[in-house]
């Protein structure tokens, strides 16, 4: 048994420099808000090679990914940092500029069984480079029962060439025994002090 039972501590950092073949440099990041949910979909190649009427080889390598992330809400400054909105005088402005590239991470709370004992572990995830967008937002009147509404950030991630291995790299993850160790790891990646 190794099941996901929670999600915590979503963070981001702006990509400040990236040249293929070298490491990505991130600016100072921050915590987005409380985490509600995240769904990651890996886009994979589906290519098969046949000869003599049999499959000789196949490729199912990762081509990219999408993330649908729901935070508990977005402050104006975090929304601007994630979506590229600009502060004009006192107003945040949505314009035709592309969203900035960011690094994004969070902690998955995992439950495992070890020698008959249930143990909680903390799995840190860091996605190296993606762009977030909000495609639709809904606002409704307060009725008899409150319907809680939060934004859904739609992220599209790309692979990066950060060394001379010839492989595109998308994300990293690591499992920790404590939440604080996972948090420290994410803070170091996102430049959070």
N, C-alpha and C. Protein backbone atom coordinates (compact mmCIF):
# COMPACT_ATOMS: atom_id res chain seq x y z
N UNK A 1 0.84 -1.18 0.00
CA UNK A 1 0.00 0.00 0.00
C UNK A 1 0.89 1.25 0.00
N UNK A 2 0.62 2.13 -0.92
CA UNK A 2 1.29 3.42 -0.96
C UNK A 2 0.28 4.40 -1.55
N UNK A 3 -0.54 5.00 -0.70
CA UNK A 3 -1.66 5.81 -1.17
C UNK A 3 -1.48 7.28 -0.83
N UNK A 4 -2.05 8.10 -1.70
CA UNK A 4 -2.02 9.55 -1.50
C UNK A 4 -3.21 9.94 -0.65
N UNK A 5 -2.95 10.61 0.48
CA UNK A 5 -4.03 10.99 1.40
C UNK A 5 -4.10 12.50 1.64
N UNK A 6 -3.26 13.28 0.96
CA UNK A 6 -3.31 14.72 1.17
C UNK A 6 -2.35 15.47 0.27
N UNK A 7 -2.50 16.77 0.27
CA UNK A 7 -1.66 17.67 -0.53
C UNK A 7 -1.44 18.94 0.25
N UNK A 8 -0.21 19.45 0.25
CA UNK A 8 0.13 20.64 1.02
C UNK A 8 1.18 21.49 0.31
N UNK A 9 1.26 22.71 0.73
CA UNK A 9 2.37 23.61 0.47
C UNK A 9 2.70 23.81 -1.02
N UNK A 10 1.77 24.34 -1.83
CA UNK A 10 2.09 24.62 -3.23
C UNK A 10 2.94 25.88 -3.36
N UNK A 11 4.02 25.78 -4.10
CA UNK A 11 4.96 26.89 -4.24
C UNK A 11 5.31 27.11 -5.71
N UNK A 12 5.86 28.28 -5.99
CA UNK A 12 6.27 28.61 -7.36
C UNK A 12 7.53 29.44 -7.29
N UNK A 13 8.22 29.51 -8.42
CA UNK A 13 9.36 30.42 -8.58
C UNK A 13 9.44 30.81 -10.04
N UNK A 14 9.63 32.09 -10.35
CA UNK A 14 9.75 32.49 -11.75
C UNK A 14 11.07 32.02 -12.35
N UNK A 15 11.01 31.58 -13.60
CA UNK A 15 12.25 31.23 -14.32
C UNK A 15 12.90 32.56 -14.70
N UNK A 16 14.10 32.80 -14.18
CA UNK A 16 14.77 34.06 -14.51
C UNK A 16 15.78 33.89 -15.64
N UNK A 17 16.28 32.67 -15.82
CA UNK A 17 17.21 32.43 -16.93
C UNK A 17 17.20 30.95 -17.28
N UNK A 18 17.16 30.68 -18.57
CA UNK A 18 17.27 29.30 -19.04
C UNK A 18 17.91 29.31 -20.42
N UNK A 19 19.05 28.64 -20.52
CA UNK A 19 19.74 28.43 -21.79
C UNK A 19 19.86 26.92 -21.94
N UNK A 20 19.32 26.34 -23.02
CA UNK A 20 19.40 24.89 -23.18
C UNK A 20 20.83 24.38 -22.98
N UNK A 21 20.94 23.29 -22.24
CA UNK A 21 22.24 22.70 -21.93
C UNK A 21 22.79 23.14 -20.58
N UNK A 22 22.10 24.09 -19.92
CA UNK A 22 22.55 24.55 -18.61
C UNK A 22 21.37 24.51 -17.63
N UNK A 23 21.67 24.61 -16.36
CA UNK A 23 20.64 24.59 -15.33
C UNK A 23 19.72 25.81 -15.45
N UNK A 24 18.50 25.63 -15.00
CA UNK A 24 17.55 26.75 -14.94
C UNK A 24 17.87 27.59 -13.71
N UNK A 25 17.78 28.90 -13.85
CA UNK A 25 17.91 29.80 -12.71
C UNK A 25 16.52 30.34 -12.39
N UNK A 26 16.14 30.23 -11.12
CA UNK A 26 14.84 30.72 -10.67
C UNK A 26 15.02 31.97 -9.83
N UNK A 27 14.06 32.88 -9.92
CA UNK A 27 14.03 34.03 -9.03
C UNK A 27 13.39 33.60 -7.72
N UNK A 28 13.28 34.56 -6.80
CA UNK A 28 12.67 34.24 -5.51
C UNK A 28 11.20 33.90 -5.70
N UNK A 29 10.81 32.78 -5.13
CA UNK A 29 9.44 32.31 -5.26
C UNK A 29 8.64 32.56 -4.01
N UNK A 30 7.50 31.87 -3.95
CA UNK A 30 6.63 32.03 -2.80
C UNK A 30 5.61 30.92 -2.72
N UNK A 31 4.86 30.97 -1.65
CA UNK A 31 3.76 30.02 -1.45
C UNK A 31 2.54 30.58 -2.18
N UNK A 32 1.82 29.75 -2.89
CA UNK A 32 0.66 30.21 -3.67
C UNK A 32 -0.53 30.45 -2.75
N UNK A 33 -0.96 29.47 -2.03
CA UNK A 33 -2.08 29.50 -1.09
C UNK A 33 -2.18 28.08 -0.53
N UNK A 34 -3.23 27.78 0.19
CA UNK A 34 -3.43 26.39 0.61
C UNK A 34 -3.77 25.56 -0.62
N UNK A 35 -3.35 24.30 -0.62
CA UNK A 35 -3.61 23.41 -1.75
C UNK A 35 -4.98 22.75 -1.59
N UNK A 36 -5.73 22.69 -2.69
CA UNK A 36 -6.99 21.96 -2.72
C UNK A 36 -6.82 20.67 -3.51
N UNK A 37 -6.31 20.77 -4.75
CA UNK A 37 -6.08 19.56 -5.54
C UNK A 37 -5.15 19.86 -6.71
N UNK A 38 -4.55 18.81 -7.24
CA UNK A 38 -3.75 18.91 -8.45
C UNK A 38 -3.91 17.61 -9.23
N UNK A 39 -4.04 17.75 -10.52
CA UNK A 39 -4.15 16.59 -11.41
C UNK A 39 -3.10 16.76 -12.50
N UNK A 40 -2.19 15.80 -12.59
CA UNK A 40 -1.11 15.85 -13.59
C UNK A 40 -1.40 14.81 -14.67
N UNK A 41 -1.36 15.24 -15.91
CA UNK A 41 -1.53 14.34 -17.05
C UNK A 41 -0.26 14.36 -17.88
N UNK A 42 0.38 13.21 -17.97
CA UNK A 42 1.62 13.09 -18.75
C UNK A 42 1.26 12.79 -20.20
N UNK A 43 1.74 13.62 -21.10
CA UNK A 43 1.56 13.38 -22.53
C UNK A 43 2.72 12.51 -23.01
N UNK A 44 2.39 11.35 -23.55
CA UNK A 44 3.42 10.40 -23.93
C UNK A 44 3.36 10.07 -25.42
N UNK A 45 4.52 9.74 -25.95
CA UNK A 45 4.57 9.23 -27.32
C UNK A 45 3.87 7.88 -27.36
N UNK A 46 3.25 7.58 -28.45
CA UNK A 46 2.64 6.26 -28.64
C UNK A 46 3.03 5.79 -30.03
N UNK A 47 4.29 5.41 -30.13
CA UNK A 47 4.84 5.05 -31.43
C UNK A 47 5.34 3.60 -31.38
N UNK A 48 4.92 2.82 -32.37
CA UNK A 48 5.32 1.43 -32.43
C UNK A 48 5.97 1.15 -33.79
N UNK A 49 6.99 0.32 -33.76
CA UNK A 49 7.71 -0.04 -34.98
C UNK A 49 7.53 -1.54 -35.23
N UNK A 50 7.11 -1.85 -36.46
CA UNK A 50 6.83 -3.25 -36.80
C UNK A 50 7.74 -3.74 -37.92
N UNK A 51 8.01 -5.01 -37.89
CA UNK A 51 8.73 -5.69 -38.96
C UNK A 51 8.39 -7.17 -38.93
N UNK A 52 8.30 -7.78 -40.07
CA UNK A 52 7.90 -9.19 -40.17
C UNK A 52 6.62 -9.47 -39.39
N UNK A 53 5.68 -8.51 -39.46
CA UNK A 53 4.36 -8.65 -38.85
C UNK A 53 4.36 -8.70 -37.32
N UNK A 54 5.43 -8.26 -36.68
CA UNK A 54 5.46 -8.22 -35.21
C UNK A 54 6.02 -6.86 -34.76
N UNK A 55 5.69 -6.49 -33.56
CA UNK A 55 6.23 -5.26 -32.98
C UNK A 55 7.68 -5.48 -32.60
N UNK A 56 8.57 -4.67 -33.17
CA UNK A 56 9.99 -4.79 -32.88
C UNK A 56 10.43 -3.84 -31.78
N UNK A 57 9.76 -2.68 -31.71
CA UNK A 57 10.15 -1.68 -30.71
C UNK A 57 8.98 -0.73 -30.50
N UNK A 58 9.05 0.02 -29.42
CA UNK A 58 8.02 1.03 -29.17
C UNK A 58 8.63 2.18 -28.38
N UNK A 59 7.95 3.32 -28.43
CA UNK A 59 8.40 4.51 -27.69
C UNK A 59 7.19 5.07 -26.95
N UNK A 60 7.31 5.18 -25.65
CA UNK A 60 6.25 5.81 -24.87
C UNK A 60 6.82 6.90 -23.97
N UNK A 61 7.89 7.55 -24.44
CA UNK A 61 8.55 8.60 -23.67
C UNK A 61 7.65 9.81 -23.44
N UNK A 62 7.94 10.55 -22.38
CA UNK A 62 7.17 11.75 -22.04
C UNK A 62 7.47 12.85 -23.04
N UNK A 63 6.41 13.49 -23.56
CA UNK A 63 6.54 14.61 -24.49
C UNK A 63 6.26 15.95 -23.81
N UNK A 64 5.49 15.92 -22.75
CA UNK A 64 5.08 17.12 -22.02
C UNK A 64 4.06 16.73 -20.98
N UNK A 65 3.44 17.71 -20.36
CA UNK A 65 2.44 17.41 -19.35
C UNK A 65 1.51 18.61 -19.16
N UNK A 66 0.36 18.31 -18.59
CA UNK A 66 -0.56 19.36 -18.18
C UNK A 66 -0.89 19.16 -16.71
N UNK A 67 -1.14 20.27 -16.03
CA UNK A 67 -1.51 20.23 -14.62
C UNK A 67 -2.75 21.10 -14.44
N UNK A 68 -3.76 20.56 -13.79
CA UNK A 68 -4.89 21.36 -13.32
C UNK A 68 -4.74 21.48 -11.82
N UNK A 69 -4.49 22.69 -11.35
CA UNK A 69 -4.22 22.92 -9.93
C UNK A 69 -5.26 23.86 -9.34
N UNK A 70 -5.84 23.45 -8.23
CA UNK A 70 -6.80 24.28 -7.51
C UNK A 70 -6.20 24.73 -6.18
N UNK A 71 -5.89 26.02 -6.06
CA UNK A 71 -5.50 26.57 -4.77
C UNK A 71 -6.75 27.00 -4.01
N UNK A 72 -6.61 27.34 -2.75
CA UNK A 72 -7.76 27.82 -1.97
C UNK A 72 -8.18 29.22 -2.39
N UNK A 73 -7.42 29.85 -3.23
CA UNK A 73 -7.68 31.19 -3.73
C UNK A 73 -6.37 31.80 -4.20
N UNK A 74 -6.43 32.97 -4.79
CA UNK A 74 -5.22 33.65 -5.27
C UNK A 74 -5.24 35.10 -4.83
N UNK A 75 -4.18 35.54 -4.19
CA UNK A 75 -4.04 36.97 -3.91
C UNK A 75 -3.72 37.68 -5.23
N UNK A 76 -3.91 38.99 -5.27
CA UNK A 76 -3.61 39.75 -6.49
C UNK A 76 -2.15 39.59 -6.91
N UNK A 77 -1.24 39.63 -5.94
CA UNK A 77 0.19 39.57 -6.29
C UNK A 77 0.59 38.19 -6.79
N UNK A 78 0.06 37.12 -6.17
CA UNK A 78 0.39 35.77 -6.64
C UNK A 78 -0.23 35.53 -8.00
N UNK A 79 -1.48 35.97 -8.18
CA UNK A 79 -2.14 35.81 -9.48
C UNK A 79 -1.31 36.50 -10.58
N UNK A 80 -0.84 37.71 -10.29
CA UNK A 80 -0.03 38.45 -11.27
C UNK A 80 1.27 37.70 -11.56
N UNK A 81 1.91 37.15 -10.53
CA UNK A 81 3.17 36.44 -10.73
C UNK A 81 2.99 35.17 -11.55
N UNK A 82 1.87 34.48 -11.36
CA UNK A 82 1.64 33.22 -12.07
C UNK A 82 1.11 33.41 -13.49
N UNK A 83 0.33 34.46 -13.69
CA UNK A 83 -0.37 34.64 -14.97
C UNK A 83 0.19 35.77 -15.83
N UNK A 84 1.10 36.57 -15.28
CA UNK A 84 1.69 37.65 -16.05
C UNK A 84 0.87 38.91 -16.07
N UNK A 85 -0.09 39.04 -15.16
CA UNK A 85 -0.85 40.29 -15.08
C UNK A 85 0.07 41.39 -14.56
N UNK A 86 -0.16 42.61 -15.00
CA UNK A 86 0.73 43.71 -14.62
C UNK A 86 0.00 44.71 -13.73
N UNK A 87 0.75 45.30 -12.84
CA UNK A 87 0.20 46.33 -11.95
C UNK A 87 0.37 47.69 -12.64
N UNK A 88 -0.77 48.31 -12.96
CA UNK A 88 -0.78 49.63 -13.59
C UNK A 88 -1.45 50.59 -12.60
N UNK A 89 -0.66 51.47 -12.03
CA UNK A 89 -1.11 52.37 -10.96
C UNK A 89 -1.58 51.50 -9.79
N UNK A 90 -2.87 51.40 -9.54
CA UNK A 90 -3.38 50.57 -8.44
C UNK A 90 -4.13 49.35 -8.95
N UNK A 91 -4.25 49.21 -10.26
CA UNK A 91 -5.05 48.14 -10.84
C UNK A 91 -4.17 47.06 -11.45
N UNK A 92 -4.60 45.82 -11.32
CA UNK A 92 -3.95 44.71 -12.01
C UNK A 92 -4.60 44.56 -13.37
N UNK A 93 -3.76 44.50 -14.40
CA UNK A 93 -4.27 44.50 -15.77
C UNK A 93 -3.98 43.18 -16.45
N UNK A 94 -5.02 42.63 -17.08
CA UNK A 94 -4.86 41.46 -17.93
C UNK A 94 -4.64 41.96 -19.34
N UNK A 95 -3.56 41.50 -19.96
CA UNK A 95 -3.25 41.96 -21.32
C UNK A 95 -2.91 40.76 -22.19
N UNK A 96 -2.41 41.01 -23.39
CA UNK A 96 -2.17 39.91 -24.32
C UNK A 96 -0.78 39.27 -24.18
N UNK A 97 -0.05 39.61 -23.14
CA UNK A 97 1.26 39.00 -22.92
C UNK A 97 1.11 37.54 -22.49
N UNK A 98 2.05 36.72 -22.89
CA UNK A 98 2.06 35.33 -22.45
C UNK A 98 2.39 35.27 -20.96
N UNK A 99 1.88 34.26 -20.31
CA UNK A 99 2.22 34.04 -18.90
C UNK A 99 3.70 33.72 -18.79
N UNK A 100 4.31 34.04 -17.66
CA UNK A 100 5.74 33.74 -17.50
C UNK A 100 5.99 32.25 -17.26
N UNK A 101 7.19 31.81 -17.57
CA UNK A 101 7.61 30.45 -17.23
C UNK A 101 7.89 30.41 -15.74
N UNK A 102 7.41 29.37 -15.09
CA UNK A 102 7.66 29.22 -13.66
C UNK A 102 8.03 27.78 -13.35
N UNK A 103 8.66 27.60 -12.20
CA UNK A 103 8.80 26.29 -11.58
C UNK A 103 7.68 26.17 -10.57
N UNK A 104 7.16 24.96 -10.37
CA UNK A 104 5.99 24.75 -9.51
C UNK A 104 6.17 23.46 -8.73
N UNK A 105 5.80 23.50 -7.47
CA UNK A 105 5.93 22.29 -6.66
C UNK A 105 4.90 22.21 -5.55
N UNK A 106 4.82 21.04 -4.96
CA UNK A 106 3.93 20.81 -3.83
C UNK A 106 4.35 19.52 -3.12
N UNK A 107 3.70 19.25 -2.00
CA UNK A 107 3.99 18.06 -1.22
C UNK A 107 2.76 17.16 -1.20
N UNK A 108 2.97 15.90 -1.57
CA UNK A 108 1.92 14.89 -1.47
C UNK A 108 2.10 14.13 -0.16
N UNK A 109 1.05 14.03 0.62
CA UNK A 109 1.08 13.24 1.86
C UNK A 109 0.72 11.81 1.48
N UNK A 110 1.62 10.88 1.81
CA UNK A 110 1.46 9.49 1.40
C UNK A 110 1.39 8.58 2.63
N UNK A 111 0.57 7.54 2.53
CA UNK A 111 0.49 6.54 3.57
C UNK A 111 1.01 5.22 3.02
N UNK A 112 1.97 4.64 3.71
CA UNK A 112 2.53 3.36 3.30
C UNK A 112 2.44 2.38 4.46
N UNK A 113 2.52 1.10 4.11
CA UNK A 113 2.58 0.06 5.15
C UNK A 113 3.97 -0.53 5.14
N UNK A 114 4.55 -0.59 6.32
CA UNK A 114 5.88 -1.16 6.47
C UNK A 114 5.85 -2.10 7.67
N UNK A 115 6.09 -3.37 7.42
CA UNK A 115 6.07 -4.39 8.47
C UNK A 115 4.77 -4.34 9.28
N UNK A 116 3.65 -4.15 8.58
CA UNK A 116 2.35 -4.15 9.24
C UNK A 116 1.97 -2.85 9.92
N UNK A 117 2.85 -1.86 9.88
CA UNK A 117 2.59 -0.57 10.51
C UNK A 117 2.35 0.49 9.43
N UNK A 118 1.33 1.32 9.63
CA UNK A 118 1.05 2.40 8.69
C UNK A 118 1.96 3.58 9.00
N UNK A 119 2.63 4.06 7.98
CA UNK A 119 3.61 5.15 8.13
C UNK A 119 3.22 6.27 7.18
N UNK A 120 3.32 7.52 7.64
CA UNK A 120 3.07 8.67 6.79
C UNK A 120 4.40 9.20 6.26
N UNK A 121 4.46 9.40 4.94
CA UNK A 121 5.64 9.96 4.28
C UNK A 121 5.20 11.21 3.53
N UNK A 122 6.17 12.01 3.11
CA UNK A 122 5.89 13.27 2.42
C UNK A 122 6.70 13.31 1.14
N UNK A 123 5.98 13.34 0.02
CA UNK A 123 6.60 13.27 -1.30
C UNK A 123 6.62 14.67 -1.92
N UNK A 124 7.80 15.24 -2.05
CA UNK A 124 7.94 16.54 -2.68
C UNK A 124 8.03 16.41 -4.18
N UNK A 125 7.30 17.29 -4.90
CA UNK A 125 7.32 17.31 -6.37
C UNK A 125 7.73 18.70 -6.84
N UNK A 126 8.57 18.76 -7.86
CA UNK A 126 8.98 20.02 -8.47
C UNK A 126 8.93 19.87 -9.98
N UNK A 127 8.10 20.68 -10.63
CA UNK A 127 7.97 20.71 -12.08
C UNK A 127 8.84 21.87 -12.58
N UNK A 128 9.78 21.57 -13.43
CA UNK A 128 10.85 22.51 -13.77
C UNK A 128 10.41 23.76 -14.53
N UNK A 129 9.48 23.61 -15.49
CA UNK A 129 9.15 24.77 -16.32
C UNK A 129 7.75 24.59 -16.91
N UNK A 130 6.86 25.51 -16.58
CA UNK A 130 5.51 25.48 -17.12
C UNK A 130 4.92 26.88 -17.15
N UNK A 131 3.81 27.00 -17.85
CA UNK A 131 3.04 28.25 -17.89
C UNK A 131 1.65 27.94 -17.39
N UNK A 132 1.14 28.80 -16.48
CA UNK A 132 -0.22 28.65 -15.98
C UNK A 132 -1.15 29.61 -16.71
N UNK A 133 -2.42 29.23 -16.78
CA UNK A 133 -3.47 30.07 -17.34
C UNK A 133 -4.77 29.76 -16.60
N UNK A 134 -5.68 30.71 -16.62
CA UNK A 134 -7.05 30.47 -16.17
C UNK A 134 -7.93 30.69 -17.39
N UNK A 135 -8.60 29.63 -17.83
CA UNK A 135 -9.41 29.73 -19.04
C UNK A 135 -10.81 30.23 -18.76
N UNK A 136 -11.35 29.91 -17.59
CA UNK A 136 -12.70 30.38 -17.28
C UNK A 136 -12.82 30.59 -15.77
N UNK A 137 -13.65 31.54 -15.41
CA UNK A 137 -13.93 31.83 -14.00
C UNK A 137 -15.43 32.02 -13.85
N UNK A 138 -15.97 31.51 -12.79
CA UNK A 138 -17.40 31.63 -12.54
C UNK A 138 -17.63 32.31 -11.20
N UNK A 139 -18.55 33.27 -11.21
CA UNK A 139 -18.94 33.96 -9.99
C UNK A 139 -20.45 33.85 -9.87
N UNK A 140 -20.93 33.51 -8.68
CA UNK A 140 -22.37 33.34 -8.49
C UNK A 140 -22.81 34.05 -7.22
N UNK A 141 -24.09 34.32 -7.15
CA UNK A 141 -24.66 34.90 -5.96
C UNK A 141 -24.66 33.89 -4.82
N UNK A 142 -24.70 34.38 -3.60
CA UNK A 142 -24.79 33.51 -2.43
C UNK A 142 -26.24 33.06 -2.29
N UNK A 143 -26.45 31.76 -2.29
CA UNK A 143 -27.78 31.20 -2.15
C UNK A 143 -27.92 30.57 -0.76
N UNK A 144 -28.95 29.76 -0.58
CA UNK A 144 -29.21 29.18 0.74
C UNK A 144 -28.01 28.38 1.23
N UNK A 145 -27.43 27.61 0.33
CA UNK A 145 -26.21 26.88 0.66
C UNK A 145 -25.05 27.47 -0.11
N UNK A 146 -23.94 27.72 0.55
CA UNK A 146 -22.77 28.30 -0.13
C UNK A 146 -22.13 27.24 -1.02
N UNK A 147 -21.86 27.62 -2.25
CA UNK A 147 -21.06 26.79 -3.14
C UNK A 147 -19.66 27.40 -3.19
N UNK A 148 -18.72 26.71 -2.59
CA UNK A 148 -17.36 27.23 -2.54
C UNK A 148 -16.75 27.17 -3.93
N UNK A 149 -16.18 28.27 -4.38
CA UNK A 149 -15.57 28.34 -5.70
C UNK A 149 -14.12 28.79 -5.57
N UNK A 150 -13.26 28.07 -6.27
CA UNK A 150 -11.84 28.43 -6.31
C UNK A 150 -11.40 28.40 -7.77
N UNK A 151 -10.36 29.16 -8.10
CA UNK A 151 -9.88 29.14 -9.48
C UNK A 151 -9.17 27.82 -9.79
N UNK A 152 -9.21 27.42 -11.04
CA UNK A 152 -8.42 26.28 -11.49
C UNK A 152 -7.33 26.81 -12.42
N UNK A 153 -6.09 26.61 -12.01
CA UNK A 153 -4.95 27.01 -12.83
C UNK A 153 -4.61 25.85 -13.76
N UNK A 154 -4.57 26.15 -15.05
CA UNK A 154 -4.25 25.14 -16.04
C UNK A 154 -2.82 25.34 -16.50
N UNK A 155 -1.96 24.39 -16.16
CA UNK A 155 -0.55 24.51 -16.50
C UNK A 155 -0.17 23.61 -17.65
N UNK A 156 0.68 24.11 -18.53
CA UNK A 156 1.25 23.33 -19.62
C UNK A 156 2.76 23.32 -19.43
N UNK A 157 3.32 22.13 -19.27
CA UNK A 157 4.74 22.01 -18.99
C UNK A 157 5.53 21.50 -20.17
N UNK A 158 6.77 21.93 -20.22
CA UNK A 158 7.68 21.53 -21.30
C UNK A 158 8.93 20.91 -20.70
N UNK A 159 9.57 20.08 -21.48
CA UNK A 159 10.84 19.51 -21.06
C UNK A 159 11.96 20.52 -21.23
N UNK A 160 12.99 20.37 -20.42
CA UNK A 160 14.14 21.27 -20.50
C UNK A 160 15.42 20.45 -20.60
N UNK A 161 16.37 20.98 -21.32
CA UNK A 161 17.68 20.36 -21.45
C UNK A 161 18.61 21.09 -20.49
N UNK A 162 18.89 20.46 -19.34
CA UNK A 162 19.67 21.15 -18.30
C UNK A 162 21.09 20.60 -18.15
N UNK A 163 21.46 19.66 -19.02
CA UNK A 163 22.81 19.10 -18.97
C UNK A 163 23.16 18.54 -20.35
N UNK A 164 24.23 17.79 -20.43
CA UNK A 164 24.64 17.26 -21.74
C UNK A 164 24.21 15.81 -21.93
N UNK A 165 23.18 15.36 -21.19
CA UNK A 165 22.72 13.97 -21.29
C UNK A 165 21.93 13.70 -22.58
N UNK A 166 21.44 14.77 -23.23
CA UNK A 166 20.61 14.59 -24.41
C UNK A 166 19.16 14.26 -24.10
N UNK A 167 18.80 14.27 -22.82
CA UNK A 167 17.44 13.96 -22.41
C UNK A 167 16.73 15.22 -21.94
N UNK A 168 15.46 15.37 -22.35
CA UNK A 168 14.65 16.45 -21.81
C UNK A 168 14.17 16.03 -20.43
N UNK A 169 14.16 16.98 -19.51
CA UNK A 169 13.78 16.68 -18.13
C UNK A 169 12.57 17.54 -17.76
N UNK A 170 11.63 16.93 -17.06
CA UNK A 170 10.34 17.56 -16.81
C UNK A 170 10.11 17.88 -15.34
N UNK A 171 10.37 16.93 -14.47
CA UNK A 171 10.05 17.10 -13.05
C UNK A 171 10.97 16.22 -12.22
N UNK A 172 11.04 16.53 -10.95
CA UNK A 172 11.75 15.68 -9.99
C UNK A 172 10.85 15.48 -8.78
N UNK A 173 11.06 14.37 -8.08
CA UNK A 173 10.33 14.14 -6.83
C UNK A 173 11.20 13.35 -5.87
N UNK A 174 10.92 13.51 -4.60
CA UNK A 174 11.69 12.83 -3.56
C UNK A 174 10.77 12.60 -2.37
N UNK A 175 10.93 11.46 -1.71
CA UNK A 175 10.13 11.12 -0.54
C UNK A 175 10.93 11.39 0.73
N UNK A 176 10.25 11.99 1.71
CA UNK A 176 10.86 12.38 2.98
C UNK A 176 10.08 11.76 4.14
N UNK A 177 10.76 11.61 5.26
CA UNK A 177 10.11 11.07 6.46
C UNK A 177 9.28 12.12 7.18
N UNK A 178 9.64 13.41 7.01
CA UNK A 178 8.93 14.47 7.72
C UNK A 178 8.48 15.55 6.74
N UNK A 179 7.40 16.23 7.13
CA UNK A 179 6.90 17.34 6.31
C UNK A 179 7.95 18.44 6.24
N UNK A 180 8.61 18.74 7.36
CA UNK A 180 9.58 19.85 7.37
C UNK A 180 10.76 19.58 6.44
N UNK A 181 11.18 18.32 6.30
CA UNK A 181 12.27 18.00 5.37
C UNK A 181 11.82 18.22 3.93
N UNK A 182 10.59 17.81 3.60
CA UNK A 182 10.06 18.03 2.25
C UNK A 182 9.91 19.53 1.98
N UNK A 183 9.47 20.26 2.97
CA UNK A 183 9.29 21.72 2.84
C UNK A 183 10.63 22.41 2.61
N UNK A 184 11.65 22.00 3.34
CA UNK A 184 12.99 22.58 3.17
C UNK A 184 13.51 22.32 1.77
N UNK A 185 13.30 21.12 1.26
CA UNK A 185 13.72 20.76 -0.10
C UNK A 185 13.03 21.65 -1.14
N UNK A 186 11.70 21.80 -1.02
CA UNK A 186 10.97 22.66 -1.95
C UNK A 186 11.40 24.11 -1.84
N UNK A 187 11.61 24.59 -0.62
CA UNK A 187 12.06 25.98 -0.42
C UNK A 187 13.39 26.22 -1.11
N UNK A 188 14.29 25.24 -1.07
CA UNK A 188 15.59 25.43 -1.72
C UNK A 188 15.43 25.51 -3.24
N UNK A 189 14.51 24.75 -3.81
CA UNK A 189 14.29 24.79 -5.25
C UNK A 189 13.60 26.10 -5.69
N UNK A 190 12.66 26.58 -4.85
CA UNK A 190 11.88 27.76 -5.22
C UNK A 190 12.49 29.06 -4.72
N UNK A 191 13.62 29.00 -4.07
CA UNK A 191 14.27 30.23 -3.57
C UNK A 191 13.47 30.91 -2.48
N UNK A 192 12.82 30.13 -1.63
CA UNK A 192 12.03 30.67 -0.53
C UNK A 192 12.86 30.62 0.74
N UNK A 193 13.00 31.77 1.40
CA UNK A 193 13.79 31.80 2.63
C UNK A 193 12.88 32.00 3.83
